[in-house]
């Protein structure tokens, strides 16, 4: 057989897909573009380039080498963006620490990742003070001294302060080439059972995710797009799945970036207004918080595009956002998938559809982005029909999926059973390729011999006037196996009864949209719904409390 491998000239450059390659075009094409922190600090992309080099030099002096792990505890900031690049570009591994975990879980993740250097924002001094005796691998602490933040008393042996370290370092650093399959980042999933599990991504995976995500977001005919004229502000924490990978995309495009620090509703609204923010992404909880903020009532959101992920986008929230002029749509992925898998962008010609159908399309799970092989399968890995009614578990392949869980071979084998990554999400796929997740495998309600989608009932209840938030869980029932229970948070001053909610859902059953078994037999009004550390509904906790 003839060898068809390409022959390279001795001096040809192989161009490994390293994170540093993402910086070539923005530094040339947008050197004066702004990066803004909390509306208080402004710097250019030229300054970003210099600070990335200064950070790498400072880390080198602290002993960071190829393969070292550097952990970061910070709010969304220009500093975090610098770490996104400098740490992996050195050949080190960036661990983004979930600061919303319990103290014991934070200590566990830092130890499990083998972090040697830990950056600590002033606000997290009490947390690190409490766990420093548990930290087994950290040998160097770096303090991020935030102006305006009061430092609590502590005995943490800091070796440097972030800004002082950068000030003392050269603004030139020769970032080396190395294998593109080198691990670049690691962080920990926030499941509701067991210890957090570490996922990890290589340079190659992050570069391919960046390029493909950029192409997917730029592809719609109009609307639901991200382009060079946008102003970007993340509303997904930078410790969580690289803020969905969007800071890498935004930097590669050379757009204006706005980093808000800690998520305070008044500050977020002010930044959207004053900085002209046009593109963000978040979980439903964050958008719900913003729309309910007093300051938001007078702000024009008509240029703002928002991707909702981390859970279903309900019709009620989508309608509320659209009424404020927000171009809202859903995205899908998970920690293990880097995360982008699909986007619910409107197809060409959608402007001819009525408003309800456009709303429905925005709230679907969307269509797979390029390079994603996404299937729905049964327990035997047989693929289900794409008819919009047959359901199965979503399994995927893509070039940027974690190849396992860090130092957890048993869970890794289970994750990749049959050669596909298992999401544990149950879904249907329409003839046109549109995905609709009906539930998490563990959250499906099995009643009267049917599988009931808690997400669909939640979306329907969210449409009722006066409903602020809703979660639907299953409780045991001797006759039917399980029955749905609706937990509802009402808007301030709303007068809604249990029968109002039941009658509302019953109309959808009578029209044939949902099964009669899907009508909640119990509706409970609650003050708040328990969330996970990244703002998702914590249904395991809700079931334990209310079932």
Protein backbone atom coordinates (compact mmCIF):
# COMPACT_ATOMS: atom_id res chain seq x y z
CA UNK A 1 0.00 0.00 0.00
CA UNK A 2 1.29 3.43 -0.94
CA UNK A 3 2.16 5.69 1.96
CA UNK A 4 0.12 8.87 1.47
CA UNK A 5 1.61 10.75 4.40
CA UNK A 6 2.61 14.28 3.48
CA UNK A 7 6.31 15.00 3.26
CA UNK A 8 7.51 18.13 5.04
CA UNK A 9 10.50 20.24 4.21
CA UNK A 10 13.20 20.03 6.91
CA UNK A 11 12.57 23.64 7.87
CA UNK A 12 8.73 23.49 7.71
CA UNK A 13 6.92 24.56 10.86
CA UNK A 14 4.45 21.91 12.08
CA UNK A 15 2.30 24.53 13.87
CA UNK A 16 1.14 22.72 17.00
CA UNK A 17 -2.33 23.77 18.12
CA UNK A 18 -1.24 25.60 21.26
CA UNK A 19 -3.19 28.25 23.15
CA UNK A 20 -0.54 30.85 22.31
CA UNK A 21 -1.56 30.61 18.65
CA UNK A 22 -4.93 32.18 19.49
CA UNK A 23 -3.17 35.49 20.22
CA UNK A 24 -1.51 36.16 16.87
CA UNK A 25 -4.39 37.98 15.15
CA UNK A 26 -5.84 40.04 18.03
CA UNK A 27 -2.45 41.47 19.00
CA UNK A 28 -1.90 42.56 15.40
CA UNK A 29 -5.43 43.60 14.46
CA UNK A 30 -6.79 45.00 17.73
CA UNK A 31 -3.82 46.25 19.80
CA UNK A 32 -5.77 49.23 21.17
CA UNK A 33 -9.01 47.38 21.91
CA UNK A 34 -10.19 47.68 25.53
CA UNK A 35 -10.44 45.15 28.32
CA UNK A 36 -12.45 46.58 31.23
CA UNK A 37 -12.61 45.42 34.83
CA UNK A 38 -15.64 46.50 36.89
CA UNK A 39 -15.73 49.81 35.00
CA UNK A 40 -12.73 50.90 37.11
CA UNK A 41 -9.70 49.56 35.22
CA UNK A 42 -9.10 49.74 31.50
CA UNK A 43 -6.27 48.26 29.52
CA UNK A 44 -5.51 47.46 25.89
CA UNK A 45 -4.72 44.18 24.19
CA UNK A 46 -1.13 45.42 23.97
CA UNK A 47 -1.11 45.68 27.76
CA UNK A 48 -2.67 42.22 27.96
CA UNK A 49 0.23 40.82 25.92
CA UNK A 50 2.74 42.47 28.25
CA UNK A 51 0.95 41.29 31.40
CA UNK A 52 0.76 37.69 30.14
CA UNK A 53 4.54 37.76 29.72
CA UNK A 54 5.04 39.40 33.13
CA UNK A 55 2.86 36.74 34.77
CA UNK A 56 4.83 33.94 33.12
CA UNK A 57 8.12 35.47 34.31
CA UNK A 58 6.75 35.90 37.81
CA UNK A 59 5.56 32.29 37.91
CA UNK A 60 8.93 31.09 36.66
CA UNK A 61 10.64 32.88 39.56
CA UNK A 62 8.24 31.12 41.92
CA UNK A 63 9.32 27.77 40.49
CA UNK A 64 6.51 27.01 38.02
CA UNK A 65 7.71 24.66 35.30
CA UNK A 66 6.31 22.56 32.48
CA UNK A 67 3.78 20.25 34.13
CA UNK A 68 3.31 22.34 37.29
CA UNK A 69 -0.28 23.04 38.36
CA UNK A 70 -1.25 26.62 39.23
CA UNK A 71 -4.61 27.04 40.98
CA UNK A 72 -6.60 30.29 40.94
CA UNK A 73 -9.23 31.59 43.37
CA UNK A 74 -10.52 34.85 41.93
CA UNK A 75 -13.66 36.54 40.67
CA UNK A 76 -14.16 37.15 36.93
CA UNK A 77 -11.37 39.58 36.09
CA UNK A 78 -8.62 40.66 33.72
CA UNK A 79 -6.27 38.73 36.02
CA UNK A 80 -8.18 35.51 35.38
CA UNK A 81 -7.95 36.17 31.63
CA UNK A 82 -4.18 36.57 31.97
CA UNK A 83 -4.02 33.23 33.79
CA UNK A 84 -6.11 31.59 31.03
CA UNK A 85 -3.20 32.27 28.70
CA UNK A 86 0.05 32.62 30.66
CA UNK A 87 -0.20 29.43 32.74
CA UNK A 88 -0.88 26.92 29.94
CA UNK A 89 1.35 28.78 27.48
CA UNK A 90 4.27 28.03 29.84
CA UNK A 91 3.38 24.35 29.65
CA UNK A 92 1.89 24.43 33.15
CA UNK A 93 -1.67 23.40 34.04
CA UNK A 94 -4.28 25.95 35.10
CA UNK A 95 -6.69 24.76 37.79
CA UNK A 96 -9.73 27.00 38.07
CA UNK A 97 -10.96 26.51 41.63
CA UNK A 98 -14.71 26.49 42.24
CA UNK A 99 -14.89 28.93 45.14
CA UNK A 100 -18.54 28.09 45.80
CA UNK A 101 -17.84 24.55 46.95
CA UNK A 102 -17.67 23.72 50.64
CA UNK A 103 -14.28 24.34 52.31
CA UNK A 104 -13.55 20.61 52.49
CA UNK A 105 -14.41 20.20 48.80
CA UNK A 106 -12.19 23.15 47.84
CA UNK A 107 -9.29 21.56 49.75
CA UNK A 108 -10.00 18.19 48.13
CA UNK A 109 -9.93 19.60 44.58
CA UNK A 110 -6.68 21.51 45.14
CA UNK A 111 -5.01 18.42 46.61
CA UNK A 112 -6.40 16.09 43.98
CA UNK A 113 -5.17 18.35 41.16
CA UNK A 114 -1.73 18.53 42.78
CA UNK A 115 -1.63 22.33 42.73
CA UNK A 116 1.77 23.72 43.71
CA UNK A 117 1.01 27.45 43.45
CA UNK A 118 -2.26 29.00 44.66
CA UNK A 119 -3.50 32.50 43.78
CA UNK A 120 -5.89 33.83 46.43
CA UNK A 121 -8.14 36.88 46.09
CA UNK A 122 -8.57 38.94 49.25
CA UNK A 123 -12.20 37.86 49.55
CA UNK A 124 -11.12 34.22 49.90
CA UNK A 125 -8.55 34.75 52.64
CA UNK A 126 -10.90 33.37 55.35
CA UNK A 127 -11.59 30.26 53.26
CA UNK A 128 -7.91 29.53 52.60
CA UNK A 129 -7.01 30.34 56.21
CA UNK A 130 -9.52 27.68 57.30
CA UNK A 131 -8.18 24.97 54.98
CA UNK A 132 -4.47 25.76 54.69
CA UNK A 133 -3.63 22.96 57.11
CA UNK A 134 -5.37 20.49 54.77
CA UNK A 135 -3.47 21.56 51.65
CA UNK A 136 -0.94 18.84 50.87
CA UNK A 137 0.69 19.99 47.61
CA UNK A 138 0.61 23.81 47.67
CA UNK A 139 4.06 25.19 48.42
CA UNK A 140 3.59 28.80 47.23
CA UNK A 141 0.76 31.26 47.88
CA UNK A 142 0.22 34.44 45.85
CA UNK A 143 -2.10 37.13 47.17
CA UNK A 144 -4.46 39.00 44.85
CA UNK A 145 -4.87 42.24 46.80
CA UNK A 146 -8.08 43.79 45.44
CA UNK A 147 -8.38 47.52 45.90
CA UNK A 148 -11.41 48.26 48.08
CA UNK A 149 -11.54 44.77 49.60
CA UNK A 150 -10.78 44.46 53.29
CA UNK A 151 -8.26 41.76 54.15
CA UNK A 152 -9.26 39.49 57.01
CA UNK A 153 -6.69 38.48 59.60
CA UNK A 154 -4.76 35.43 58.44
CA UNK A 155 -1.51 33.50 58.75
CA UNK A 156 -1.16 32.43 55.12
CA UNK A 157 2.56 32.53 54.14
CA UNK A 158 2.29 34.54 50.92
CA UNK A 159 5.39 34.62 48.72
CA UNK A 160 4.19 37.46 46.49
CA UNK A 161 1.35 39.85 45.70
CA UNK A 162 -0.04 39.57 42.16
CA UNK A 163 0.36 43.15 40.93
CA UNK A 164 3.71 43.62 42.66
CA UNK A 165 4.94 40.39 41.08
CA UNK A 166 3.94 41.59 37.62
CA UNK A 167 5.48 45.00 38.21
CA UNK A 168 8.82 43.38 39.05
CA UNK A 169 8.77 41.09 36.01
CA UNK A 170 9.87 41.58 32.43
CA UNK A 171 7.21 42.14 29.77
CA UNK A 172 8.97 39.74 27.41
CA UNK A 173 8.72 35.95 27.60
CA UNK A 174 9.53 33.40 24.92
CA UNK A 175 6.70 30.88 25.17
CA UNK A 176 8.00 27.53 23.91
CA UNK A 177 6.48 25.00 21.54
CA UNK A 178 5.56 21.59 22.91
CA UNK A 179 3.14 18.74 22.23
CA UNK A 180 -0.34 20.10 21.49
CA UNK A 181 -1.81 17.21 23.50
CA UNK A 182 -0.26 18.61 26.69
CA UNK A 183 -2.83 19.19 29.43
CA UNK A 184 -3.70 22.88 29.69
CA UNK A 185 -6.50 23.09 32.23
CA UNK A 186 -8.32 21.15 34.90
CA UNK A 187 -11.37 21.86 37.03
CA UNK A 188 -13.92 19.89 38.97
CA UNK A 189 -17.49 18.93 38.20
CA UNK A 190 -20.18 19.95 40.65
CA UNK A 191 -22.40 16.89 40.74
CA UNK A 192 -24.80 16.37 43.60
CA UNK A 193 -23.40 12.98 44.58
CA UNK A 194 -19.93 11.97 45.76
CA UNK A 195 -16.73 13.95 45.62
CA UNK A 196 -16.14 16.41 42.75
CA UNK A 197 -14.52 14.78 39.70
CA UNK A 198 -11.65 16.40 37.80
CA UNK A 199 -11.98 16.98 34.07
CA UNK A 200 -9.08 18.13 31.93
CA UNK A 201 -8.41 19.55 28.48
CA UNK A 202 -5.38 19.78 26.23
CA UNK A 203 -4.14 22.71 24.18
CA UNK A 204 -5.36 21.02 21.00
CA UNK A 205 -8.83 20.55 22.45
CA UNK A 206 -9.15 24.15 23.62
CA UNK A 207 -7.94 25.56 20.30
CA UNK A 208 -10.38 23.40 18.32
CA UNK A 209 -13.21 24.31 20.70
CA UNK A 210 -12.37 27.99 20.25
CA UNK A 211 -12.27 27.88 16.46
CA UNK A 212 -15.42 25.77 16.14
CA UNK A 213 -17.35 27.78 18.72
CA UNK A 214 -16.40 30.97 16.92
CA UNK A 215 -17.60 29.56 13.59
CA UNK A 216 -20.87 28.29 15.07
CA UNK A 217 -21.67 31.58 16.79
CA UNK A 218 -20.91 33.57 13.64
CA UNK A 219 -23.01 31.37 11.33
CA UNK A 220 -26.65 32.58 11.71
CA UNK A 221 -28.16 34.76 9.02
CA UNK A 222 -29.10 37.33 11.65
CA UNK A 223 -29.44 37.32 15.42
CA UNK A 224 -27.93 34.94 18.00
CA UNK A 225 -24.48 35.84 16.66
CA UNK A 226 -21.13 36.77 18.15
CA UNK A 227 -18.87 38.90 15.96
CA UNK A 228 -16.05 41.45 16.03
CA UNK A 229 -18.40 44.35 16.65
CA UNK A 230 -19.71 42.87 19.90
CA UNK A 231 -18.87 43.83 23.48
CA UNK A 232 -18.45 40.71 25.59
CA UNK A 233 -19.15 40.19 29.29
CA UNK A 234 -19.21 36.72 30.88
CA UNK A 235 -21.93 35.90 33.38
CA UNK A 236 -20.77 32.33 33.81
CA UNK A 237 -17.97 32.12 36.40
CA UNK A 238 -14.51 31.86 34.91
CA UNK A 239 -13.82 28.95 37.25
CA UNK A 240 -16.56 26.93 35.49
CA UNK A 241 -15.66 25.26 32.18
CA UNK A 242 -13.44 28.19 31.11
CA UNK A 243 -16.56 30.41 31.25
CA UNK A 244 -17.89 28.14 28.50
CA UNK A 245 -14.73 28.86 26.49
CA UNK A 246 -16.00 32.30 25.52
CA UNK A 247 -13.03 34.36 26.83
CA UNK A 248 -10.80 32.44 24.41
CA UNK A 249 -13.22 33.17 21.54
CA UNK A 250 -13.60 36.83 22.54
CA UNK A 251 -9.84 37.32 22.77
CA UNK A 252 -9.17 35.63 19.45
CA UNK A 253 -11.73 37.94 17.80
CA UNK A 254 -10.19 41.00 19.45
CA UNK A 255 -13.47 42.33 20.82
CA UNK A 256 -13.96 44.68 23.75
CA UNK A 257 -14.21 42.58 26.92
CA UNK A 258 -15.83 43.55 30.22
CA UNK A 259 -15.13 41.56 33.39
CA UNK A 260 -17.53 42.28 36.27
CA UNK A 261 -15.74 40.81 39.29
CA UNK A 262 -18.24 39.42 41.75
CA UNK A 263 -21.76 39.08 40.36
CA UNK A 264 -23.78 41.87 41.97
CA UNK A 265 -27.04 42.69 40.11
CA UNK A 266 -26.67 46.47 40.30
CA UNK A 267 -23.09 46.31 39.03
CA UNK A 268 -23.97 43.95 36.18
CA UNK A 269 -26.80 46.19 34.98
CA UNK A 270 -24.58 49.28 35.20
CA UNK A 271 -21.84 47.59 33.15
CA UNK A 272 -24.31 46.50 30.47
CA UNK A 273 -25.55 50.09 30.22
CA UNK A 274 -22.27 52.00 30.53
CA UNK A 275 -19.97 49.69 28.56
CA UNK A 276 -22.48 48.82 25.82
CA UNK A 277 -22.38 45.06 26.48
CA UNK A 278 -23.95 43.11 23.60
CA UNK A 279 -23.08 39.46 24.27
CA UNK A 280 -23.18 37.35 27.44
CA UNK A 281 -23.94 33.83 28.63
CA UNK A 282 -25.29 32.54 31.93
CA UNK A 283 -27.56 30.11 33.73
CA UNK A 284 -31.22 31.04 34.06
CA UNK A 285 -30.76 32.02 37.71
CA UNK A 286 -28.42 34.90 36.83
CA UNK A 287 -30.69 36.36 34.15
CA UNK A 288 -33.68 35.99 36.46
CA UNK A 289 -31.72 37.92 39.12
CA UNK A 290 -30.85 40.69 36.66
CA UNK A 291 -34.36 41.11 35.26
CA UNK A 292 -35.72 41.34 38.79
CA UNK A 293 -33.24 44.06 39.76
CA UNK A 294 -34.70 47.53 40.35
CA UNK A 295 -31.96 49.20 38.28
CA UNK A 296 -32.78 46.99 35.29
CA UNK A 297 -36.23 48.46 34.77
CA UNK A 298 -34.97 51.59 33.02
CA UNK A 299 -32.08 50.06 31.03
CA UNK A 300 -32.30 49.39 27.30
CA UNK A 301 -31.38 45.73 26.69
CA UNK A 302 -32.32 45.71 23.00
CA UNK A 303 -28.73 45.12 21.81
CA UNK A 304 -27.97 42.34 24.29
CA UNK A 305 -27.63 38.73 23.14
CA UNK A 306 -27.59 36.05 25.84
CA UNK A 307 -26.96 32.32 25.65
CA UNK A 308 -28.65 30.35 28.45
CA UNK A 309 -27.07 27.06 29.49
CA UNK A 310 -26.53 24.86 32.53
CA UNK A 311 -30.20 23.85 32.45
CA UNK A 312 -33.34 24.32 30.42
CA UNK A 313 -34.41 27.75 29.18
CA UNK A 314 -38.08 27.96 30.20
CA UNK A 315 -40.62 29.60 27.94
CA UNK A 316 -41.53 31.99 30.74
CA UNK A 317 -38.00 33.35 31.19
CA UNK A 318 -37.44 33.50 27.43
CA UNK A 319 -40.64 35.48 26.95
CA UNK A 320 -39.71 37.89 29.76
CA UNK A 321 -36.27 38.42 28.17
CA UNK A 322 -37.69 38.94 24.68
CA UNK A 323 -40.14 41.50 26.05
CA UNK A 324 -37.10 43.46 27.28
CA UNK A 325 -35.51 43.26 23.82
CA UNK A 326 -32.93 40.58 24.69
CA UNK A 327 -31.98 38.21 21.88
CA UNK A 328 -32.07 35.08 24.03
CA UNK A 329 -31.36 31.49 23.00
CA UNK A 330 -30.26 28.23 24.58
CA UNK A 331 -26.94 26.45 24.43
CA UNK A 332 -26.04 22.95 25.58
CA UNK A 333 -22.97 21.28 26.97
CA UNK A 334 -21.50 20.03 30.22
CA UNK A 335 -18.28 20.20 32.18
CA UNK A 336 -17.01 17.05 30.48
CA UNK A 337 -17.56 18.51 27.00
CA UNK A 338 -15.55 21.77 27.31
CA UNK A 339 -18.62 22.59 27.02
CA UNK A 340 -20.20 23.57 23.67
CA UNK A 341 -22.21 20.86 21.90
CA UNK A 342 -25.27 22.62 20.47
CA UNK A 343 -26.90 26.04 20.05
CA UNK A 344 -30.56 26.99 19.55
CA UNK A 345 -30.02 29.62 16.87
CA UNK A 346 -32.99 30.44 14.65
CA UNK A 347 -32.76 28.95 11.14
CA UNK A 348 -32.98 31.04 7.95
CA UNK A 349 -36.56 32.10 7.30
CA UNK A 350 -37.52 31.97 10.98
CA UNK A 351 -38.73 35.57 10.80
CA UNK A 352 -41.78 34.28 8.90
CA UNK A 353 -42.75 32.05 11.85
CA UNK A 354 -45.18 33.27 14.50
CA UNK A 355 -43.84 34.50 17.82
CA UNK A 356 -44.78 31.34 19.73
CA UNK A 357 -42.90 29.09 17.31
CA UNK A 358 -39.83 31.34 17.40
CA UNK A 359 -39.99 31.21 21.20
CA UNK A 360 -40.19 27.42 21.13
CA UNK A 361 -37.15 27.16 18.83
CA UNK A 362 -35.08 29.45 21.06
CA UNK A 363 -35.87 27.20 24.03
CA UNK A 364 -34.93 23.90 22.40
CA UNK A 365 -31.55 22.32 23.04
CA UNK A 366 -30.61 23.41 19.51
CA UNK A 367 -28.59 21.71 16.81
CA UNK A 368 -25.07 20.29 17.14
CA UNK A 369 -22.28 22.69 16.27
CA UNK A 370 -19.69 21.60 13.65
CA UNK A 371 -17.53 18.51 14.38
CA UNK A 372 -19.97 17.19 17.01
CA UNK A 373 -21.22 13.63 16.47
CA UNK A 374 -24.31 13.59 18.70
CA UNK A 375 -26.68 10.64 18.93
CA UNK A 376 -29.56 9.45 21.10
CA UNK A 377 -29.34 5.78 22.02
CA UNK A 378 -31.05 3.13 24.11
CA UNK A 379 -29.35 1.01 26.78
CA UNK A 380 -27.90 -1.25 24.06
CA UNK A 381 -26.36 1.76 22.27
CA UNK A 382 -28.86 1.37 19.41
CA UNK A 383 -29.63 4.73 17.87
CA UNK A 384 -33.18 6.07 18.26
CA UNK A 385 -35.15 7.50 15.35
CA UNK A 386 -34.95 11.21 14.59
CA UNK A 387 -38.71 11.68 14.55
CA UNK A 388 -39.16 14.13 17.44
CA UNK A 389 -40.82 11.53 19.66
CA UNK A 390 -38.39 8.61 20.13
CA UNK A 391 -36.11 9.33 23.04
CA UNK A 392 -32.74 8.09 24.23
CA UNK A 393 -29.63 9.14 26.10
CA UNK A 394 -27.43 11.72 24.39
CA UNK A 395 -23.98 10.31 23.65
CA UNK A 396 -21.32 12.34 21.86
CA UNK A 397 -17.96 12.46 20.18
CA UNK A 398 -16.07 15.68 19.44
CA UNK A 399 -12.40 16.71 19.34
CA UNK A 400 -12.63 18.62 22.64
CA UNK A 401 -14.26 16.19 25.08
CA UNK A 402 -12.40 15.28 28.27
CA UNK A 403 -10.75 11.92 27.76
CA UNK A 404 -11.59 10.83 31.29
CA UNK A 405 -11.75 11.92 34.91
CA UNK A 406 -8.45 12.87 36.51
CA UNK A 407 -6.97 9.92 38.41
CA UNK A 408 -10.33 8.14 38.37
CA UNK A 409 -10.09 5.24 35.87
CA UNK A 410 -13.31 3.50 36.95
CA UNK A 411 -15.48 6.58 36.42
CA UNK A 412 -13.62 7.31 33.17
CA UNK A 413 -14.51 3.89 31.73
CA UNK A 414 -18.16 4.46 32.65
CA UNK A 415 -18.12 7.95 31.10
CA UNK A 416 -16.81 6.58 27.80
CA UNK A 417 -18.73 3.28 27.69
CA UNK A 418 -19.07 2.05 24.11
CA UNK A 419 -16.68 4.63 22.71
CA UNK A 420 -19.04 7.60 23.18
CA UNK A 421 -19.14 10.08 26.04
CA UNK A 422 -22.35 9.53 28.00
CA UNK A 423 -24.17 12.69 29.10
CA UNK A 424 -27.00 11.06 31.07
CA UNK A 425 -29.36 13.52 29.39
CA UNK A 426 -32.52 12.09 27.80
CA UNK A 427 -33.63 13.74 24.55
CA UNK A 428 -35.47 13.52 21.27
CA UNK A 429 -34.18 14.66 17.87
CA UNK A 430 -36.46 16.06 15.19
CA UNK A 431 -36.20 15.17 11.46
CA UNK A 432 -34.41 18.53 10.96
CA UNK A 433 -31.79 17.63 13.59
CA UNK A 434 -33.08 19.81 16.43
CA UNK A 435 -32.44 18.33 19.89
CA UNK A 436 -34.87 18.59 22.77
CA UNK A 437 -33.67 17.41 26.16
CA UNK A 438 -36.60 16.06 28.16
CA UNK A 439 -34.73 15.41 31.41
CA UNK A 440 -31.65 14.22 33.19
CA UNK A 441 -31.70 10.43 33.44
CA UNK A 442 -31.90 10.72 37.24
CA UNK A 443 -34.69 13.35 37.11
CA UNK A 444 -37.14 11.62 34.74
CA UNK A 445 -40.49 11.02 36.43
CA UNK A 446 -41.88 7.54 35.71
CA UNK A 447 -45.66 7.60 36.16
CA UNK A 448 -48.42 5.37 34.84
CA UNK A 449 -45.99 3.53 32.59
CA UNK A 450 -44.87 6.78 30.93
CA UNK A 451 -41.75 8.91 31.23
CA UNK A 452 -42.66 12.46 32.15
CA UNK A 453 -40.35 15.37 31.44
CA UNK A 454 -39.92 17.57 34.50
CA UNK A 455 -38.33 20.21 32.25
CA UNK A 456 -41.40 20.48 30.04
CA UNK A 457 -43.76 20.86 33.01
CA UNK A 458 -41.45 23.51 34.47
CA UNK A 459 -41.49 25.43 31.21
CA UNK A 460 -45.29 25.34 31.02
CA UNK A 461 -45.75 26.45 34.63
CA UNK A 462 -43.23 29.27 34.08
CA UNK A 463 -45.67 30.83 31.61
CA UNK A 464 -48.33 31.40 34.26
CA UNK A 465 -48.52 35.05 35.41
CA UNK A 466 -46.94 35.57 38.80
CA UNK A 467 -44.62 32.56 38.64
CA UNK A 468 -41.02 33.59 39.28
CA UNK A 469 -39.26 30.20 39.45
CA UNK A 470 -40.36 26.58 39.37
CA UNK A 471 -38.91 23.11 39.89
CA UNK A 472 -40.74 19.83 39.27
CA UNK A 473 -39.67 16.65 41.05
CA UNK A 474 -41.11 13.12 41.31
CA UNK A 475 -42.40 11.59 44.54
CA UNK A 476 -43.27 7.96 45.18
CA UNK A 477 -46.84 6.88 44.52
CA UNK A 478 -48.16 3.39 45.28
CA UNK A 479 -50.56 3.33 42.34
CA UNK A 480 -48.61 5.15 39.61
CA UNK A 481 -44.98 4.62 40.68
CA UNK A 482 -44.21 8.35 40.79
CA UNK A 483 -46.21 11.55 40.47
CA UNK A 484 -44.94 15.06 39.76
CA UNK A 485 -44.80 17.74 42.43
CA UNK A 486 -44.36 21.40 41.47
CA UNK A 487 -42.33 23.68 43.76
CA UNK A 488 -43.14 27.28 42.85
CA UNK A 489 -41.62 30.62 43.82
CA UNK A 490 -44.05 33.46 43.18
CA UNK A 491 -43.20 36.98 42.11
CA UNK A 492 -43.52 39.60 44.84
CA UNK A 493 -47.17 40.43 45.45
CA UNK A 494 -48.52 37.70 43.15
CA UNK A 495 -51.75 35.98 44.23
CA UNK A 496 -51.69 32.49 42.73
CA UNK A 497 -53.32 29.36 44.15
CA UNK A 498 -52.49 25.68 43.87
CA UNK A 499 -55.62 25.16 41.79
CA UNK A 500 -54.57 27.97 39.41
CA UNK A 501 -51.36 26.10 38.60
CA UNK A 502 -53.12 22.75 38.24
CA UNK A 503 -55.80 24.17 35.92
CA UNK A 504 -53.09 25.89 33.85
CA UNK A 505 -51.17 22.64 33.31
CA UNK A 506 -54.41 20.69 32.74
CA UNK A 507 -55.17 22.82 29.68
CA UNK A 508 -52.00 21.49 28.02
CA UNK A 509 -53.04 17.93 28.88
CA UNK A 510 -56.50 18.47 27.41
CA UNK A 511 -54.98 19.84 24.21
CA UNK A 512 -52.83 16.70 23.88
CA UNK A 513 -49.49 18.41 24.41
CA UNK A 514 -48.66 16.50 27.59
CA UNK A 515 -49.89 13.33 29.27
CA UNK A 516 -52.58 13.49 31.96
CA UNK A 517 -50.00 11.95 34.29
CA UNK A 518 -47.88 15.10 33.89
CA UNK A 519 -50.38 17.32 35.72
CA UNK A 520 -48.91 17.88 39.22
CA UNK A 521 -51.03 16.42 41.98
CA UNK A 522 -49.29 18.66 44.50
CA UNK A 523 -48.20 22.28 44.12
CA UNK A 524 -46.12 23.76 46.93
CA UNK A 525 -45.25 27.44 47.18
CA UNK A 526 -41.74 28.03 48.53
CA UNK A 527 -39.62 31.09 49.25
CA UNK A 528 -36.62 29.89 47.22
CA UNK A 529 -35.27 26.89 45.30
CA UNK A 530 -32.00 25.27 46.30
CA UNK A 531 -29.23 25.72 43.70
CA UNK A 532 -25.88 24.06 43.10
CA UNK A 533 -22.59 25.99 43.27
CA UNK A 534 -22.97 27.02 39.62
CA UNK A 535 -26.62 28.10 39.84
CA UNK A 536 -28.41 24.97 38.64
CA UNK A 537 -31.48 23.56 40.39
CA UNK A 538 -30.35 21.06 43.01
CA UNK A 539 -33.08 18.48 42.47
CA UNK A 540 -31.43 15.86 44.66
CA UNK A 541 -31.69 18.25 47.62
CA UNK A 542 -35.24 19.23 46.66
CA UNK A 543 -36.31 15.59 46.48
CA UNK A 544 -34.78 14.91 49.90
CA UNK A 545 -36.62 17.89 51.38
CA UNK A 546 -40.02 17.61 49.75
CA UNK A 547 -40.46 14.01 48.58
